[in-house]
Amino acid sequence: MEKGLSVSADYSFQRLLGEPVTIREWNIAGLPPDAFSVDNGIIATRARRWPLMIDPQGQASRWIKNMEGSTKAPSEGLARPGQLTVVKPGDADFLRRVEQCIQLGQPILLEGVGEELDPVLEPLLDHATIKTGGGLSIALGDSVLDYSPDF
């Protein structure tokens, strides 16, 4: 106040950046309605970086799966279009499924991540895309993949 800055006594992150209809959809999909969870949902969906969620109760995981529609490791190993692919770092086909989602622009959820991630994912975490011709590519391990803008 003494510097002439306007200040709100009842500041709310939710009121500033949230959209009530979207927040209600999140609540229906399983996001708890408390202010802390909603604020975290806003940050997770609006941030430029991929969110890392420490989720001991599994609430965030359930919310994301409900919002995106998940498919857990289909027998043929390929994700269905428009479906969230759920993988764990120890899965045998982990990298192949990540590559597929990048190329097809499908959402992916990495569950059960420890303190360290596979270094091959570093370019993906850094959004280190390369402009090639009329599109984007990303170097992931020994492969250079087409990077779908929908990913």
Protein backbone atom coordinates (compact mmCIF):
# COMPACT_ATOMS: atom_id res chain seq x y z
CA MET A 1 0.00 0.00 0.00
CA GLU A 2 2.75 2.46 0.83
CA LYS A 3 4.26 2.01 -2.67
CA GLY A 4 0.96 2.84 -4.35
CA LEU A 5 0.30 -0.72 -5.56
CA SER A 6 -3.28 -1.92 -5.56
CA VAL A 7 -3.75 -4.99 -3.42
CA SER A 8 -6.68 -7.30 -2.89
CA ALA A 9 -7.32 -8.40 0.68
CA ASP A 10 -9.19 -11.52 -0.50
CA TYR A 11 -6.83 -12.71 -3.26
CA SER A 12 -7.75 -16.02 -4.85
CA PHE A 13 -5.63 -17.84 -7.42
CA GLN A 14 -8.79 -19.65 -8.47
CA ARG A 15 -10.67 -16.40 -9.13
CA LEU A 16 -7.74 -14.90 -11.02
CA LEU A 17 -6.88 -17.77 -13.39
CA GLY A 18 -9.65 -20.34 -12.97
CA GLU A 19 -12.71 -20.83 -15.09
CA PRO A 20 -15.69 -21.98 -12.99
CA VAL A 21 -17.10 -24.32 -15.68
CA THR A 22 -13.71 -25.99 -16.21
CA ILE A 23 -13.13 -26.32 -12.47
CA ARG A 24 -16.56 -27.93 -12.09
CA GLU A 25 -15.68 -30.43 -14.84
CA TRP A 26 -12.47 -31.22 -12.97
CA ASN A 27 -14.44 -31.83 -9.76
CA ILE A 28 -16.83 -34.15 -11.60
CA ALA A 29 -13.77 -36.02 -12.98
CA GLY A 30 -12.44 -36.55 -9.45
CA LEU A 31 -10.34 -33.52 -8.55
CA PRO A 32 -11.07 -32.66 -4.90
CA PRO A 33 -12.93 -29.32 -4.63
CA ASP A 34 -10.64 -27.78 -2.00
CA ALA A 35 -8.76 -24.61 -2.98
CA PHE A 36 -5.33 -26.29 -2.77
CA SER A 37 -6.30 -29.04 -5.25
CA VAL A 38 -7.98 -26.60 -7.63
CA ASP A 39 -4.96 -24.25 -7.52
CA ASN A 40 -2.71 -27.21 -8.33
CA GLY A 41 -5.02 -28.22 -11.19
CA ILE A 42 -4.77 -24.71 -12.63
CA ILE A 43 -0.98 -24.80 -12.41
CA ALA A 44 -0.79 -28.29 -13.95
CA THR A 45 -2.98 -27.38 -16.91
CA ARG A 46 -1.56 -23.91 -17.61
CA ALA A 47 2.16 -24.44 -17.04
CA ARG A 48 4.53 -24.62 -20.00
CA ARG A 49 6.48 -27.44 -18.36
CA TRP A 50 5.19 -30.96 -17.80
CA PRO A 51 3.76 -31.27 -14.30
CA LEU A 52 5.31 -33.60 -11.73
CA MET A 53 2.70 -34.64 -9.20
CA ILE A 54 3.59 -36.22 -5.90
CA ASP A 55 0.42 -38.18 -5.40
CA PRO A 56 0.45 -40.57 -2.40
CA GLN A 57 -3.34 -40.95 -2.37
CA GLY A 58 -3.69 -41.35 -6.14
CA GLN A 59 -6.14 -38.44 -6.49
CA ALA A 60 -4.22 -36.65 -9.24
CA SER A 61 -3.71 -39.88 -11.16
CA ARG A 62 -7.44 -40.71 -11.02
CA TRP A 63 -8.33 -37.15 -12.07
CA ILE A 64 -6.00 -37.25 -15.10
CA LYS A 65 -7.23 -40.70 -16.12
CA ASN A 66 -10.85 -39.56 -15.88
CA MET A 67 -10.16 -36.37 -17.81
CA GLU A 68 -8.21 -38.04 -20.62
CA GLY A 69 -9.73 -41.52 -20.70
CA SER A 70 -7.03 -44.07 -20.03
CA THR A 71 -5.98 -47.33 -21.57
CA LYS A 72 -3.68 -49.49 -19.46
CA ALA A 73 -1.11 -51.35 -21.57
CA PRO A 74 -3.33 -52.86 -24.28
CA SER A 75 -2.38 -56.38 -25.31
CA GLU A 76 -1.23 -55.28 -28.78
CA GLY A 77 0.99 -52.62 -27.18
CA LEU A 78 -0.50 -49.75 -29.15
CA ALA A 79 -2.57 -46.96 -27.67
CA ARG A 80 -6.01 -46.28 -29.02
CA PRO A 81 -6.45 -42.85 -30.65
CA GLY A 82 -7.58 -40.15 -28.22
CA GLN A 83 -6.82 -42.25 -25.18
CA LEU A 84 -4.39 -41.56 -22.38
CA THR A 85 -1.53 -44.05 -22.33
CA VAL A 86 -0.37 -45.01 -18.84
CA VAL A 87 3.19 -46.36 -18.53
CA LYS A 88 5.68 -47.05 -15.77
CA PRO A 89 9.44 -46.63 -16.16
CA GLY A 90 9.98 -50.38 -15.60
CA ASP A 91 7.64 -51.47 -18.41
CA ALA A 92 9.38 -53.53 -21.12
CA ASP A 93 7.97 -51.39 -23.94
CA PHE A 94 8.23 -48.08 -22.05
CA LEU A 95 10.32 -46.15 -24.59
CA ARG A 96 8.42 -47.49 -27.60
CA ARG A 97 5.10 -46.36 -26.11
CA VAL A 98 6.49 -42.91 -25.25
CA GLU A 99 7.76 -42.56 -28.84
CA GLN A 100 4.37 -43.59 -30.21
CA CYS A 101 2.53 -41.00 -28.12
CA ILE A 102 4.95 -38.24 -29.19
CA GLN A 103 4.45 -39.06 -32.87
CA LEU A 104 0.66 -39.47 -32.69
CA GLY A 105 0.06 -36.53 -30.35
CA GLN A 106 -1.54 -38.66 -27.66
CA PRO A 107 -1.45 -37.90 -23.94
CA ILE A 108 0.75 -40.04 -21.74
CA LEU A 109 0.98 -40.46 -17.98
CA LEU A 110 4.20 -41.75 -16.43
CA GLU A 111 3.28 -43.43 -13.15
CA GLY A 112 5.56 -44.68 -10.41
CA VAL A 113 8.42 -42.37 -11.26
CA GLY A 114 11.28 -42.46 -8.77
CA GLU A 115 13.75 -39.74 -7.91
CA GLU A 116 15.48 -40.09 -11.26
CA LEU A 117 14.08 -40.42 -14.76
CA ASP A 118 15.70 -42.20 -17.66
CA PRO A 119 18.16 -39.69 -19.21
CA VAL A 120 16.76 -40.53 -22.65
CA LEU A 121 13.66 -38.49 -21.68
CA GLU A 122 15.68 -35.30 -21.06
CA PRO A 123 15.00 -33.73 -24.52
CA LEU A 124 11.28 -34.40 -24.03
CA LEU A 125 11.22 -32.82 -20.57
CA ASP A 126 13.10 -29.79 -21.92
CA HIS A 127 10.77 -29.46 -24.94
CA ALA A 128 13.92 -29.64 -27.08
CA THR A 129 12.16 -29.82 -30.43
CA ILE A 130 13.90 -29.18 -33.73
CA LYS A 131 12.24 -27.47 -36.70
CA THR A 132 12.56 -29.75 -39.71
CA GLY A 133 10.95 -28.93 -43.01
CA GLY A 134 7.35 -28.07 -42.25
CA GLY A 135 7.17 -29.73 -38.85
CA LEU A 136 8.88 -30.49 -35.58
CA SER A 137 11.16 -33.35 -34.57
CA ILE A 138 12.72 -34.44 -31.32
CA ALA A 139 15.81 -36.53 -30.64
CA LEU A 140 14.93 -39.26 -28.18
CA GLY A 141 17.74 -41.70 -27.52
CA ASP A 142 19.14 -42.90 -30.84
CA SER A 143 15.98 -41.90 -32.74
CA VAL A 144 14.81 -38.65 -34.25
CA LEU A 145 11.01 -38.66 -34.13
CA ASP A 146 8.32 -36.52 -35.68
CA TYR A 147 6.90 -34.43 -32.84
CA SER A 148 3.16 -33.92 -33.03
CA PRO A 149 2.05 -30.44 -31.94
CA ASP A 150 -0.91 -32.15 -30.20
CA PHE A 151 1.43 -33.99 -27.80
